[in-house]
Amino acid sequence: MSVNIHEAKTNLSKLLARVEAGEEIVIARAGKPVAKLIPAIGGSEPRQPGRWAGKVSVPDDFDAPLPDEVQRYFDGESDPEDGLD
């Protein structure tokens, strides 16, 4: 993402939040890049595949059809304001 200097000054807190989430922000003057905001210390931890192995299970009926009343909500055929009490 690229922003001009005025936008960077106006939205610095928001831009820093995006940088903390891993995004890199380029700051430009008259359309020419002059600086880049990047995380100071490498951002978040690198992903470690398999960290949840053996800690999570999926029930056998996970793919079972939903009850008709619930399915109608997902299909937009019922108003959630009606409630599922």
Protein backbone atom coordinates (compact mmCIF):
# COMPACT_ATOMS: atom_id res chain seq x y z
CA MET A 1 0.00 0.00 0.00
CA SER A 2 1.20 3.50 -0.78
CA VAL A 3 0.08 6.74 0.89
CA ASN A 4 1.08 10.37 0.51
CA ILE A 5 2.75 12.28 3.35
CA HIS A 6 -0.41 14.16 4.35
CA GLU A 7 -2.39 10.91 4.58
CA ALA A 8 0.44 9.30 6.58
CA LYS A 9 0.44 12.17 9.10
CA THR A 10 -3.34 12.16 9.36
CA ASN A 11 -3.70 8.39 9.77
CA LEU A 12 -0.45 7.36 11.45
CA SER A 13 -2.12 5.30 14.20
CA LYS A 14 -4.21 3.36 11.66
CA LEU A 15 -1.20 2.81 9.42
CA LEU A 16 0.86 1.52 12.34
CA ALA A 17 -1.90 -0.94 13.22
CA ARG A 18 -1.74 -2.26 9.64
CA VAL A 19 2.03 -2.55 9.87
CA GLU A 20 1.71 -4.47 13.14
CA ALA A 21 -0.60 -6.86 11.28
CA GLY A 22 2.20 -7.51 8.78
CA GLU A 23 1.48 -5.03 5.99
CA GLU A 24 4.19 -2.80 4.52
CA ILE A 25 3.25 0.83 3.86
CA VAL A 26 5.13 3.04 1.38
CA ILE A 27 5.06 6.79 2.01
CA ALA A 28 5.37 8.91 -1.12
CA ARG A 29 5.98 12.59 -1.88
CA ALA A 30 4.50 13.78 -5.16
CA GLY A 31 3.99 10.14 -6.12
CA LYS A 32 7.64 9.20 -5.55
CA PRO A 33 8.34 6.65 -2.78
CA VAL A 34 10.50 8.12 0.00
CA ALA A 35 10.03 5.76 2.96
CA LYS A 36 8.61 2.39 3.95
CA LEU A 37 6.89 1.47 7.22
CA ILE A 38 7.67 -2.13 8.19
CA PRO A 39 7.43 -4.04 11.49
CA ALA A 40 10.39 -3.15 13.74
CA ILE A 41 11.09 -6.68 14.95
CA GLY A 42 10.14 -9.11 12.22
CA GLY A 43 6.38 -8.95 12.78
CA SER A 44 4.58 -12.01 14.04
CA GLU A 45 6.09 -15.43 14.65
CA PRO A 46 6.62 -17.58 11.59
CA ARG A 47 3.86 -20.10 11.07
CA GLN A 48 4.61 -23.58 12.39
CA PRO A 49 2.51 -26.15 10.52
CA GLY A 50 1.25 -28.95 12.71
CA ARG A 51 1.27 -27.07 16.01
CA TRP A 52 -2.33 -28.13 16.65
CA ALA A 53 -1.85 -31.76 15.64
CA GLY A 54 -3.60 -34.00 18.16
CA LYS A 55 -5.19 -31.03 19.96
CA VAL A 56 -8.23 -30.54 17.72
CA SER A 57 -10.85 -33.02 16.66
CA VAL A 58 -13.72 -32.80 14.20
CA PRO A 59 -16.89 -34.64 15.21
CA ASP A 60 -18.11 -37.42 12.91
CA ASP A 61 -21.31 -35.52 12.15
CA PHE A 62 -19.52 -32.31 11.13
CA ASP A 63 -20.81 -32.55 7.55
CA ALA A 64 -24.33 -33.56 8.58
CA PRO A 65 -27.12 -31.46 7.07
CA LEU A 66 -28.29 -28.53 9.17
CA PRO A 67 -31.79 -28.54 10.63
CA ASP A 68 -34.23 -27.03 8.09
CA GLU A 69 -34.92 -23.99 10.28
CA VAL A 70 -31.20 -23.14 10.54
CA GLN A 71 -30.57 -23.81 6.83
CA ARG A 72 -33.30 -21.30 5.92
CA TYR A 73 -31.31 -18.58 7.73
CA PHE A 74 -28.17 -19.40 5.74
CA ASP A 75 -30.20 -19.38 2.53
CA GLY A 76 -31.72 -15.99 3.40
CA GLU A 77 -35.23 -17.39 3.48
CA SER A 78 -35.88 -16.43 7.11
CA ASP A 79 -35.34 -13.26 9.08
CA PRO A 80 -32.83 -13.67 11.96
CA GLU A 81 -34.95 -11.19 13.92
CA ASP A 82 -37.59 -13.93 14.16
CA GLY A 83 -35.21 -15.76 16.51
CA LEU A 84 -34.24 -19.40 16.87
CA ASP A 85 -35.40 -19.79 20.46
